[in-house]
Amino acid sequence: MILFDLKKAETILKKGDYSNRFIFNYFLVHSLILTFAFFVISQDYNSWLLFLDFSTGFLITLLGLIYLYNLNEKGDKNSFLDRYFVLGLIISTRVLLLLLIPLVAFVFLDELLFDFNIDTKGFWFHYTLTFVSTLLIYILLGRSFKRVANVKV
């Protein structure tokens, strides 16, 4: 299972040189992460804030998936779900690490050394982080889909 080497995964998907087991592993991890995410969602916010968070995530996901599907259709029209699960997991892992390292450093500096007066446990911090990371994932997925599906822009 490839977790970080995006170019290698793109090459494998482009050539079609993979087994069902290869795709199943990505689908399995994706499904387990989604299941875990449902249990982690905070219920501490009022219903309007939860609705805002849910509806924004829903819209970004819906529009992102439509965008990726259309890119795939403009290209070679092959293996949309295979590409989505493999590239999505790799890119999500990269974005998570990209955001996690500065976030941990920021929280460490905020709690121990400085007082930035930013509520890192509050709704708006969580909302902004979720919004930016989800949007970034779909933008990067679009770039990767263009390469794999040979989309002419």
N, C-alpha and C. Protein backbone atom coordinates (compact mmCIF):
# COMPACT_ATOMS: atom_id res chain seq x y z
N MET A 1 0.84 -1.18 0.00
CA MET A 1 0.00 0.00 0.00
C MET A 1 0.88 1.24 0.00
N ILE A 2 0.62 2.13 -0.90
CA ILE A 2 1.40 3.36 -1.04
C ILE A 2 0.69 4.46 -0.26
N LEU A 3 1.39 5.09 0.68
CA LEU A 3 0.76 6.14 1.48
C LEU A 3 1.28 7.54 1.18
N PHE A 4 2.47 7.66 0.61
CA PHE A 4 3.03 8.99 0.41
C PHE A 4 3.49 9.27 -1.02
N ASP A 5 3.89 8.25 -1.75
CA ASP A 5 4.48 8.44 -3.08
C ASP A 5 3.38 8.61 -4.13
N LEU A 6 2.94 9.84 -4.30
CA LEU A 6 1.84 10.14 -5.23
C LEU A 6 2.20 9.80 -6.67
N LYS A 7 3.40 10.12 -7.08
CA LYS A 7 3.82 9.85 -8.47
C LYS A 7 3.76 8.35 -8.79
N LYS A 8 4.20 7.53 -7.83
CA LYS A 8 4.18 6.09 -8.03
C LYS A 8 2.74 5.59 -8.16
N ALA A 9 1.86 6.08 -7.30
CA ALA A 9 0.45 5.69 -7.37
C ALA A 9 -0.18 6.15 -8.67
N GLU A 10 0.13 7.36 -9.10
CA GLU A 10 -0.41 7.87 -10.37
C GLU A 10 0.05 7.01 -11.53
N THR A 11 1.31 6.60 -11.51
CA THR A 11 1.85 5.75 -12.59
C THR A 11 1.14 4.40 -12.62
N ILE A 12 0.94 3.79 -11.45
CA ILE A 12 0.26 2.50 -11.38
C ILE A 12 -1.17 2.62 -11.90
N LEU A 13 -1.86 3.69 -11.48
CA LEU A 13 -3.25 3.88 -11.93
C LEU A 13 -3.33 4.19 -13.42
N LYS A 14 -2.37 4.95 -13.91
CA LYS A 14 -2.36 5.31 -15.33
C LYS A 14 -2.16 4.07 -16.20
N LYS A 15 -1.25 3.20 -15.77
CA LYS A 15 -0.97 1.98 -16.53
C LYS A 15 -2.05 0.92 -16.34
N GLY A 16 -2.81 1.03 -15.26
CA GLY A 16 -3.82 0.01 -14.96
C GLY A 16 -3.21 -1.27 -14.44
N ASP A 17 -2.01 -1.17 -13.93
CA ASP A 17 -1.25 -2.34 -13.48
C ASP A 17 -1.44 -2.54 -11.97
N TYR A 18 -2.66 -2.97 -11.59
CA TYR A 18 -2.94 -3.20 -10.18
C TYR A 18 -4.04 -4.23 -10.05
N SER A 19 -4.13 -4.79 -8.85
CA SER A 19 -5.12 -5.84 -8.60
C SER A 19 -6.32 -5.26 -7.84
N ASN A 20 -7.36 -6.07 -7.74
CA ASN A 20 -8.51 -5.67 -6.93
C ASN A 20 -8.11 -5.53 -5.46
N ARG A 21 -7.17 -6.34 -5.02
CA ARG A 21 -6.70 -6.27 -3.62
C ARG A 21 -6.06 -4.91 -3.35
N PHE A 22 -5.33 -4.39 -4.31
CA PHE A 22 -4.70 -3.07 -4.19
C PHE A 22 -5.77 -2.01 -3.91
N ILE A 23 -6.84 -2.01 -4.68
CA ILE A 23 -7.93 -1.06 -4.51
C ILE A 23 -8.69 -1.33 -3.22
N PHE A 24 -8.92 -2.60 -2.91
CA PHE A 24 -9.64 -2.95 -1.69
C PHE A 24 -8.95 -2.39 -0.45
N ASN A 25 -7.64 -2.45 -0.40
CA ASN A 25 -6.92 -1.92 0.76
C ASN A 25 -7.20 -0.43 0.97
N TYR A 26 -7.22 0.33 -0.10
CA TYR A 26 -7.52 1.76 0.00
C TYR A 26 -8.98 1.99 0.40
N PHE A 27 -9.87 1.20 -0.19
CA PHE A 27 -11.29 1.31 0.15
C PHE A 27 -11.51 0.97 1.63
N LEU A 28 -10.84 -0.06 2.11
CA LEU A 28 -10.96 -0.47 3.51
C LEU A 28 -10.50 0.63 4.46
N VAL A 29 -9.33 1.17 4.21
CA VAL A 29 -8.81 2.24 5.06
C VAL A 29 -9.74 3.45 5.00
N HIS A 30 -10.19 3.81 3.81
CA HIS A 30 -11.12 4.93 3.64
C HIS A 30 -12.39 4.71 4.46
N SER A 31 -12.96 3.51 4.40
CA SER A 31 -14.18 3.19 5.14
C SER A 31 -13.95 3.23 6.64
N LEU A 32 -12.82 2.72 7.10
CA LEU A 32 -12.53 2.74 8.54
C LEU A 32 -12.34 4.17 9.05
N ILE A 33 -11.71 5.01 8.26
CA ILE A 33 -11.54 6.40 8.65
C ILE A 33 -12.89 7.11 8.74
N LEU A 34 -13.77 6.86 7.77
CA LEU A 34 -15.10 7.46 7.82
C LEU A 34 -15.89 7.01 9.04
N THR A 35 -15.80 5.72 9.35
CA THR A 35 -16.49 5.20 10.52
C THR A 35 -15.96 5.85 11.79
N PHE A 36 -14.66 5.97 11.88
CA PHE A 36 -14.03 6.62 13.04
C PHE A 36 -14.45 8.09 13.13
N ALA A 37 -14.51 8.76 11.99
CA ALA A 37 -14.85 10.19 11.97
C ALA A 37 -16.25 10.44 12.51
N PHE A 38 -17.17 9.54 12.26
CA PHE A 38 -18.53 9.72 12.78
C PHE A 38 -18.56 9.72 14.31
N PHE A 39 -17.65 8.97 14.92
CA PHE A 39 -17.61 8.92 16.38
C PHE A 39 -16.86 10.10 16.98
N VAL A 40 -16.02 10.75 16.20
CA VAL A 40 -15.21 11.84 16.70
C VAL A 40 -15.92 13.19 16.58
N ILE A 41 -16.91 13.28 15.70
CA ILE A 41 -17.61 14.55 15.49
C ILE A 41 -18.14 15.06 16.82
N SER A 42 -17.81 16.28 17.10
CA SER A 42 -18.19 16.88 18.38
C SER A 42 -19.66 17.28 18.38
N GLN A 43 -20.33 17.01 19.47
CA GLN A 43 -21.71 17.41 19.65
C GLN A 43 -21.83 18.59 20.61
N ASP A 44 -20.73 19.24 20.91
CA ASP A 44 -20.71 20.33 21.89
C ASP A 44 -21.25 21.64 21.33
N TYR A 45 -21.46 21.74 20.05
CA TYR A 45 -21.87 22.98 19.43
C TYR A 45 -23.39 23.01 19.28
N ASN A 46 -23.94 24.21 19.15
CA ASN A 46 -25.39 24.29 18.98
C ASN A 46 -25.77 23.79 17.58
N SER A 47 -27.05 23.56 17.40
CA SER A 47 -27.51 22.92 16.16
C SER A 47 -27.23 23.75 14.91
N TRP A 48 -27.25 25.07 15.01
CA TRP A 48 -26.98 25.90 13.83
C TRP A 48 -25.53 25.79 13.40
N LEU A 49 -24.63 25.74 14.36
CA LEU A 49 -23.21 25.60 14.02
C LEU A 49 -22.92 24.22 13.44
N LEU A 50 -23.55 23.19 14.00
CA LEU A 50 -23.39 21.85 13.43
C LEU A 50 -23.97 21.78 12.02
N PHE A 51 -25.10 22.45 11.81
CA PHE A 51 -25.70 22.49 10.47
C PHE A 51 -24.78 23.20 9.48
N LEU A 52 -24.18 24.32 9.91
CA LEU A 52 -23.24 25.05 9.06
C LEU A 52 -22.05 24.17 8.70
N ASP A 53 -21.49 23.50 9.69
CA ASP A 53 -20.34 22.63 9.47
C ASP A 53 -20.70 21.49 8.52
N PHE A 54 -21.82 20.84 8.78
CA PHE A 54 -22.25 19.72 7.96
C PHE A 54 -22.57 20.16 6.53
N SER A 55 -23.33 21.24 6.39
CA SER A 55 -23.75 21.66 5.05
C SER A 55 -22.56 22.14 4.21
N THR A 56 -21.60 22.82 4.83
CA THR A 56 -20.41 23.25 4.09
C THR A 56 -19.60 22.03 3.64
N GLY A 57 -19.39 21.08 4.54
CA GLY A 57 -18.68 19.86 4.18
C GLY A 57 -19.39 19.07 3.10
N PHE A 58 -20.71 19.01 3.21
CA PHE A 58 -21.52 18.31 2.22
C PHE A 58 -21.38 18.96 0.84
N LEU A 59 -21.48 20.28 0.79
CA LEU A 59 -21.37 20.99 -0.49
C LEU A 59 -19.99 20.85 -1.12
N ILE A 60 -18.95 21.01 -0.31
CA ILE A 60 -17.59 20.86 -0.85
C ILE A 60 -17.40 19.45 -1.39
N THR A 61 -17.87 18.45 -0.65
CA THR A 61 -17.72 17.06 -1.10
C THR A 61 -18.53 16.80 -2.36
N LEU A 62 -19.77 17.25 -2.39
CA LEU A 62 -20.61 17.05 -3.57
C LEU A 62 -20.01 17.72 -4.80
N LEU A 63 -19.66 18.99 -4.69
CA LEU A 63 -19.08 19.71 -5.83
C LEU A 63 -17.72 19.14 -6.20
N GLY A 64 -16.94 18.75 -5.20
CA GLY A 64 -15.62 18.16 -5.47
C GLY A 64 -15.73 16.85 -6.22
N LEU A 65 -16.66 15.99 -5.81
CA LEU A 65 -16.84 14.70 -6.50
C LEU A 65 -17.35 14.89 -7.92
N ILE A 66 -18.27 15.82 -8.11
CA ILE A 66 -18.76 16.11 -9.46
C ILE A 66 -17.62 16.62 -10.34
N TYR A 67 -16.81 17.51 -9.78
CA TYR A 67 -15.66 18.06 -10.50
C TYR A 67 -14.69 16.94 -10.90
N LEU A 68 -14.37 16.05 -9.95
CA LEU A 68 -13.45 14.96 -10.24
C LEU A 68 -14.03 14.00 -11.28
N TYR A 69 -15.30 13.69 -11.17
CA TYR A 69 -15.94 12.80 -12.13
C TYR A 69 -15.91 13.41 -13.53
N ASN A 70 -16.20 14.69 -13.63
CA ASN A 70 -16.17 15.37 -14.94
C ASN A 70 -14.76 15.40 -15.51
N LEU A 71 -13.76 15.61 -14.66
CA LEU A 71 -12.37 15.55 -15.14
C LEU A 71 -12.07 14.16 -15.70
N ASN A 72 -12.48 13.14 -14.97
CA ASN A 72 -12.23 11.77 -15.41
C ASN A 72 -12.93 11.49 -16.75
N GLU A 73 -14.14 12.03 -16.92
CA GLU A 73 -14.89 11.85 -18.16
C GLU A 73 -14.24 12.61 -19.33
N LYS A 74 -13.61 13.75 -19.05
CA LYS A 74 -12.92 14.50 -20.10
C LYS A 74 -11.65 13.79 -20.53
N GLY A 75 -11.13 12.96 -19.64
CA GLY A 75 -9.90 12.23 -19.93
C GLY A 75 -10.21 10.87 -20.53
N ASP A 76 -9.60 9.85 -19.98
CA ASP A 76 -9.74 8.51 -20.55
C ASP A 76 -10.95 7.73 -20.04
N LYS A 77 -11.71 8.29 -19.12
CA LYS A 77 -12.96 7.71 -18.60
C LYS A 77 -12.78 6.36 -17.91
N ASN A 78 -11.60 6.08 -17.41
CA ASN A 78 -11.34 4.79 -16.78
C ASN A 78 -11.32 4.89 -15.26
N SER A 79 -11.81 3.88 -14.60
CA SER A 79 -11.59 3.57 -13.19
C SER A 79 -11.72 4.76 -12.24
N PHE A 80 -12.82 5.47 -12.29
CA PHE A 80 -13.01 6.64 -11.43
C PHE A 80 -12.86 6.29 -9.96
N LEU A 81 -13.58 5.27 -9.49
CA LEU A 81 -13.55 4.93 -8.07
C LEU A 81 -12.17 4.45 -7.62
N ASP A 82 -11.51 3.68 -8.47
CA ASP A 82 -10.15 3.24 -8.14
C ASP A 82 -9.25 4.45 -7.92
N ARG A 83 -9.32 5.38 -8.82
CA ARG A 83 -8.50 6.59 -8.72
C ARG A 83 -8.88 7.41 -7.48
N TYR A 84 -10.17 7.52 -7.24
CA TYR A 84 -10.62 8.33 -6.11
C TYR A 84 -10.13 7.75 -4.78
N PHE A 85 -10.27 6.45 -4.58
CA PHE A 85 -9.86 5.85 -3.31
C PHE A 85 -8.35 5.90 -3.11
N VAL A 86 -7.59 5.57 -4.14
CA VAL A 86 -6.13 5.53 -4.01
C VAL A 86 -5.57 6.95 -3.86
N LEU A 87 -5.88 7.81 -4.81
CA LEU A 87 -5.34 9.17 -4.78
C LEU A 87 -5.89 9.96 -3.59
N GLY A 88 -7.17 9.73 -3.26
CA GLY A 88 -7.77 10.44 -2.14
C GLY A 88 -7.10 10.13 -0.83
N LEU A 89 -6.78 8.87 -0.60
CA LEU A 89 -6.12 8.51 0.66
C LEU A 89 -4.71 9.08 0.73
N ILE A 90 -3.98 9.00 -0.36
CA ILE A 90 -2.61 9.53 -0.37
C ILE A 90 -2.63 11.04 -0.18
N ILE A 91 -3.47 11.74 -0.91
CA ILE A 91 -3.51 13.20 -0.81
C ILE A 91 -4.04 13.63 0.55
N SER A 92 -5.05 12.94 1.07
CA SER A 92 -5.56 13.28 2.40
C SER A 92 -4.49 13.09 3.47
N THR A 93 -3.72 12.03 3.36
CA THR A 93 -2.63 11.80 4.31
C THR A 93 -1.60 12.92 4.23
N ARG A 94 -1.26 13.32 3.02
CA ARG A 94 -0.30 14.41 2.85
C ARG A 94 -0.83 15.73 3.43
N VAL A 95 -2.09 16.05 3.15
CA VAL A 95 -2.68 17.29 3.66
C VAL A 95 -2.76 17.25 5.18
N LEU A 96 -3.13 16.10 5.73
CA LEU A 96 -3.19 15.96 7.19
C LEU A 96 -1.83 16.24 7.81
N LEU A 97 -0.81 15.64 7.27
CA LEU A 97 0.54 15.86 7.81
C LEU A 97 1.00 17.30 7.58
N LEU A 98 0.67 17.85 6.42
CA LEU A 98 1.03 19.24 6.12
C LEU A 98 0.41 20.20 7.12
N LEU A 99 -0.83 19.95 7.51
CA LEU A 99 -1.51 20.83 8.45
C LEU A 99 -1.24 20.47 9.91
N LEU A 100 -1.00 19.19 10.17
CA LEU A 100 -0.82 18.74 11.55
C LEU A 100 0.47 19.26 12.18
N ILE A 101 1.54 19.24 11.44
CA ILE A 101 2.82 19.67 12.00
C ILE A 101 2.79 21.14 12.41
N PRO A 102 2.38 22.07 11.54
CA PRO A 102 2.30 23.47 12.00
C PRO A 102 1.24 23.67 13.08
N LEU A 103 0.15 22.90 13.02
CA LEU A 103 -0.90 23.04 14.03
C LEU A 103 -0.40 22.64 15.41
N VAL A 104 0.30 21.53 15.50
CA VAL A 104 0.87 21.10 16.78
C VAL A 104 1.86 22.13 17.29
N ALA A 105 2.70 22.65 16.40
CA ALA A 105 3.66 23.69 16.81
C ALA A 105 2.93 24.94 17.29
N PHE A 106 1.88 25.32 16.59
CA PHE A 106 1.11 26.50 16.97
C PHE A 106 0.46 26.33 18.34
N VAL A 107 -0.19 25.18 18.55
CA VAL A 107 -0.85 24.92 19.84
C VAL A 107 0.19 24.87 20.95
N PHE A 108 1.33 24.25 20.69
CA PHE A 108 2.41 24.19 21.68
C PHE A 108 2.87 25.60 22.05
N LEU A 109 3.12 26.43 21.04
CA LEU A 109 3.54 27.81 21.31
C LEU A 109 2.45 28.59 22.03
N ASP A 110 1.22 28.39 21.63
CA ASP A 110 0.10 29.11 22.24
C ASP A 110 -0.08 28.73 23.71
N GLU A 111 0.00 27.44 24.00
CA GLU A 111 -0.26 26.98 25.37
C GLU A 111 0.92 27.21 26.30
N LEU A 112 2.12 27.01 25.82
CA LEU A 112 3.28 27.03 26.72
C LEU A 112 4.08 28.33 26.72
N LEU A 113 4.21 28.97 25.59
CA LEU A 113 5.12 30.11 25.51
C LEU A 113 4.41 31.45 25.35
N PHE A 114 3.45 31.49 24.47
CA PHE A 114 2.77 32.75 24.18
C PHE A 114 1.27 32.58 24.44
N ASP A 115 0.58 33.67 24.44
CA ASP A 115 -0.88 33.60 24.54
C ASP A 115 -1.45 34.36 23.36
N PHE A 116 -1.74 33.61 22.28
CA PHE A 116 -2.24 34.23 21.06
C PHE A 116 -3.72 34.57 21.16
N ASN A 117 -4.37 34.13 22.24
CA ASN A 117 -5.79 34.36 22.44
C ASN A 117 -6.64 33.78 21.31
N ILE A 118 -6.26 32.63 20.82
CA ILE A 118 -7.02 31.93 19.79
C ILE A 118 -7.57 30.67 20.42
N ASP A 119 -8.87 30.50 20.35
CA ASP A 119 -9.53 29.35 20.94
C ASP A 119 -9.37 28.15 20.01
N THR A 120 -8.33 27.37 20.22
CA THR A 120 -8.06 26.22 19.34
C THR A 120 -9.03 25.07 19.57
N LYS A 121 -9.84 25.17 20.60
CA LYS A 121 -10.83 24.13 20.87
C LYS A 121 -12.24 24.57 20.44
N GLY A 122 -12.37 25.78 19.95
CA GLY A 122 -13.67 26.33 19.60
C GLY A 122 -14.14 25.95 18.21
N PHE A 123 -15.39 26.24 17.96
CA PHE A 123 -16.03 25.86 16.71
C PHE A 123 -15.36 26.50 15.50
N TRP A 124 -15.12 27.80 15.52
CA TRP A 124 -14.63 28.50 14.32
C TRP A 124 -13.23 28.06 13.92
N PHE A 125 -12.42 27.71 14.89
CA PHE A 125 -11.09 27.18 14.59
C PHE A 125 -11.24 25.84 13.87
N HIS A 126 -12.08 24.97 14.44
CA HIS A 126 -12.34 23.65 13.85
C HIS A 126 -12.96 23.81 12.45
N TYR A 127 -13.93 24.70 12.32
CA TYR A 127 -14.63 24.91 11.05
C TYR A 127 -13.66 25.38 9.97
N THR A 128 -12.84 26.36 10.30
CA THR A 128 -11.87 26.89 9.34
C THR A 128 -10.87 25.82 8.92
N LEU A 129 -10.37 25.08 9.87
CA LEU A 129 -9.41 24.02 9.58
C LEU A 129 -10.04 22.95 8.68
N THR A 130 -11.26 22.56 8.98
CA THR A 130 -11.95 21.55 8.18
C THR A 130 -12.24 22.07 6.78
N PHE A 131 -12.71 23.31 6.69
CA PHE A 131 -13.03 23.91 5.40
C PHE A 131 -11.79 23.99 4.51
N VAL A 132 -10.71 24.52 5.05
CA VAL A 132 -9.47 24.69 4.27
C VAL A 132 -8.90 23.34 3.86
N SER A 133 -8.87 22.38 4.78
CA SER A 133 -8.27 21.08 4.44
C SER A 133 -9.11 20.33 3.41
N THR A 134 -10.43 20.37 3.53
CA THR A 134 -11.29 19.68 2.56
C THR A 134 -11.16 20.31 1.17
N LEU A 135 -11.17 21.62 1.14
CA LEU A 135 -11.01 22.32 -0.14
C LEU A 135 -9.65 22.01 -0.77
N LEU A 136 -8.61 22.03 0.03
CA LEU A 136 -7.25 21.73 -0.45
C LEU A 136 -7.17 20.31 -0.99
N ILE A 137 -7.80 19.37 -0.31
CA ILE A 137 -7.78 17.97 -0.77
C ILE A 137 -8.41 17.85 -2.16
N TYR A 138 -9.55 18.49 -2.38
CA TYR A 138 -10.21 18.38 -3.69
C TYR A 138 -9.44 19.12 -4.78
N ILE A 139 -8.80 20.22 -4.44
CA ILE A 139 -7.96 20.92 -5.43
C ILE A 139 -6.79 20.03 -5.85
N LEU A 140 -6.12 19.44 -4.88
CA LEU A 140 -4.98 18.56 -5.19
C LEU A 140 -5.44 17.28 -5.90
N LEU A 141 -6.60 16.76 -5.51
CA LEU A 141 -7.14 15.59 -6.22
C LEU A 141 -7.43 15.93 -7.69
N GLY A 142 -7.94 17.12 -7.93
CA GLY A 142 -8.20 17.55 -9.31
C GLY A 142 -6.92 17.58 -10.14
N ARG A 143 -5.86 18.12 -9.56
CA ARG A 143 -4.57 18.14 -10.28
C ARG A 143 -4.08 16.74 -10.58
N SER A 144 -4.23 15.84 -9.60
CA SER A 144 -3.78 14.47 -9.79
C SER A 144 -4.65 13.73 -10.82
N PHE A 145 -5.96 13.93 -10.76
CA PHE A 145 -6.85 13.31 -11.75
C PHE A 145 -6.51 13.77 -13.16
N LYS A 146 -6.17 15.04 -13.32
CA LYS A 146 -5.79 15.53 -14.65
C LYS A 146 -4.58 14.78 -15.19
N ARG A 147 -3.62 14.53 -14.32
CA ARG A 147 -2.42 13.79 -14.77
C ARG A 147 -2.74 12.34 -15.09
N VAL A 148 -3.49 11.68 -14.23
CA VAL A 148 -3.76 10.25 -14.41
C VAL A 148 -4.71 9.98 -15.58
N ALA A 149 -5.73 10.81 -15.72
CA ALA A 149 -6.74 10.59 -16.78
C ALA A 149 -6.35 11.23 -18.11
N ASN A 150 -5.17 11.86 -18.15
CA ASN A 150 -4.71 12.52 -19.37
C ASN A 150 -5.68 13.56 -19.87
N VAL A 151 -6.12 14.41 -18.97
CA VAL A 151 -7.08 15.47 -19.32
C VAL A 151 -6.33 16.60 -20.02
N LYS A 152 -6.81 16.95 -21.18
CA LYS A 152 -6.22 18.06 -21.94
C LYS A 152 -6.93 19.35 -21.53
N VAL A 153 -6.18 20.28 -20.99
CA VAL A 153 -6.79 21.54 -20.53
C VAL A 153 -6.59 22.62 -21.53
